[in-house]
Amino acid sequence: PAMPEPSAPPPPAPSAPADNDPCPWQRYNIPQMEYDHIFAQFLTFDTDGSGHLDMDECQRLCKFMNYPNRPQDIEAMFAEVDTDRNGTLDMHEFLTYMQC
């Protein structure tokens, strides 16, 4: 019998924003529980597993959190915190927004 082909491994989950930092929540001056909650939401709404939130993913997350989520709200958010101007928010940029 033929052996089934191995499936491709899932994409890696985004790492915490601070490399090798055992306490990344301290970098953002928030409690660990809040950091863990934000990180879990980020992973949940990063539906393509890219490690970044695009505008659509971010809009769904903001709607879920009852944050302003009209297209112009999301565009304003990206204008403010998408510091590398790549059209997506990484975990660091997202945490920066969440602190506002």
Protein backbone atom coordinates (compact mmCIF):
# COMPACT_ATOMS: atom_id res chain seq x y z
CA PRO A 1 0.00 0.00 0.00
CA ALA A 2 1.09 3.52 -0.75
CA MET A 3 2.15 5.67 2.13
CA PRO A 4 0.16 8.91 2.53
CA GLU A 5 2.11 12.02 1.76
CA PRO A 6 3.02 14.02 4.85
CA SER A 7 1.05 17.20 5.18
CA ALA A 8 2.81 20.53 5.24
CA PRO A 9 3.54 21.81 8.73
CA PRO A 10 1.40 24.70 9.90
CA PRO A 11 2.96 28.16 9.66
CA PRO A 12 4.77 29.20 12.82
CA ALA A 13 2.85 31.31 15.29
CA PRO A 14 4.10 34.87 15.66
CA SER A 15 6.58 35.23 18.43
CA ALA A 16 6.28 37.66 21.27
CA PRO A 17 7.38 41.14 20.18
CA ALA A 18 10.48 41.31 22.35
CA ASP A 19 12.99 38.66 21.25
CA ASN A 20 14.07 36.37 24.08
CA ASP A 21 12.19 38.51 26.60
CA PRO A 22 10.69 36.26 29.27
CA CYS A 23 8.34 39.06 30.39
CA PRO A 24 7.26 40.97 27.23
CA TRP A 25 4.25 42.52 29.00
CA GLN A 26 6.69 44.63 31.03
CA ARG A 27 7.86 46.26 27.81
CA TYR A 28 4.31 47.58 27.35
CA ASN A 29 3.76 48.31 31.04
CA ILE A 30 0.68 46.09 31.24
CA PRO A 31 -0.14 43.12 33.48
CA GLN A 32 0.73 39.66 32.15
CA MET A 33 -2.94 38.63 32.08
CA GLU A 34 -3.83 41.60 29.87
CA TYR A 35 -0.87 40.90 27.57
CA ASP A 36 -1.89 37.24 27.28
CA HIS A 37 -5.47 38.25 26.47
CA ILE A 38 -4.38 40.70 23.75
CA PHE A 39 -1.93 38.17 22.31
CA ALA A 40 -4.65 35.49 22.18
CA GLN A 41 -7.02 37.88 20.40
CA PHE A 42 -4.29 38.77 17.91
CA LEU A 43 -3.70 35.09 17.13
CA THR A 44 -7.44 34.38 16.87
CA PHE A 45 -8.10 37.17 14.38
CA ASP A 46 -4.93 36.55 12.35
CA THR A 47 -6.98 34.16 10.22
CA ASP A 48 -4.32 33.62 7.56
CA GLY A 49 -1.63 32.82 10.14
CA SER A 50 0.72 35.45 8.73
CA GLY A 51 1.74 36.90 12.09
CA HIS A 52 0.22 40.22 11.01
CA LEU A 53 -3.27 41.69 10.95
CA ASP A 54 -4.38 43.12 7.64
CA MET A 55 -7.10 45.78 7.53
CA ASP A 56 -9.94 43.24 7.21
CA GLU A 57 -8.67 41.12 10.12
CA CYS A 58 -8.18 44.24 12.20
CA GLN A 59 -11.67 45.51 11.38
CA ARG A 60 -13.20 42.20 12.53
CA LEU A 61 -11.16 42.33 15.74
CA CYS A 62 -12.18 45.92 16.45
CA LYS A 63 -15.82 45.04 15.84
CA PHE A 64 -15.52 42.09 18.23
CA MET A 65 -13.96 44.35 20.88
CA ASN A 66 -16.59 47.05 20.32
CA TYR A 67 -13.92 49.51 19.16
CA PRO A 68 -14.52 51.98 16.33
CA ASN A 69 -14.44 49.79 13.23
CA ARG A 70 -15.67 51.79 10.24
CA PRO A 71 -13.25 51.67 7.29
CA GLN A 72 -12.08 55.22 8.05
CA ASP A 73 -11.44 54.21 11.69
CA ILE A 74 -9.25 51.31 10.59
CA GLU A 75 -7.42 53.50 8.07
CA ALA A 76 -6.74 56.07 10.81
CA MET A 77 -5.47 53.31 13.11
CA PHE A 78 -3.09 52.03 10.44
CA ALA A 79 -1.91 55.58 9.68
CA GLU A 80 -1.06 55.98 13.36
CA VAL A 81 0.52 52.65 14.30
CA ASP A 82 1.65 50.88 11.09
CA THR A 83 5.13 52.28 11.56
CA ASP A 84 6.79 50.19 8.85
CA ARG A 85 3.99 51.14 6.40
CA ASN A 86 3.60 47.59 5.09
CA GLY A 87 -0.21 47.65 5.29
CA THR A 88 -0.40 45.22 8.19
CA LEU A 89 0.00 45.38 11.95
CA ASP A 90 2.47 43.10 13.68
CA MET A 91 2.10 42.23 17.34
CA HIS A 92 4.27 45.16 18.47
CA GLU A 93 2.27 47.67 16.42
CA PHE A 94 -1.00 46.17 17.65
CA LEU A 95 0.08 46.34 21.30
CA THR A 96 1.13 49.94 20.75
CA TYR A 97 -2.40 50.70 19.50
CA MET A 98 -3.98 48.87 22.41
CA GLN A 99 -2.09 51.10 24.83
CA CYS A 100 -3.61 54.28 23.36
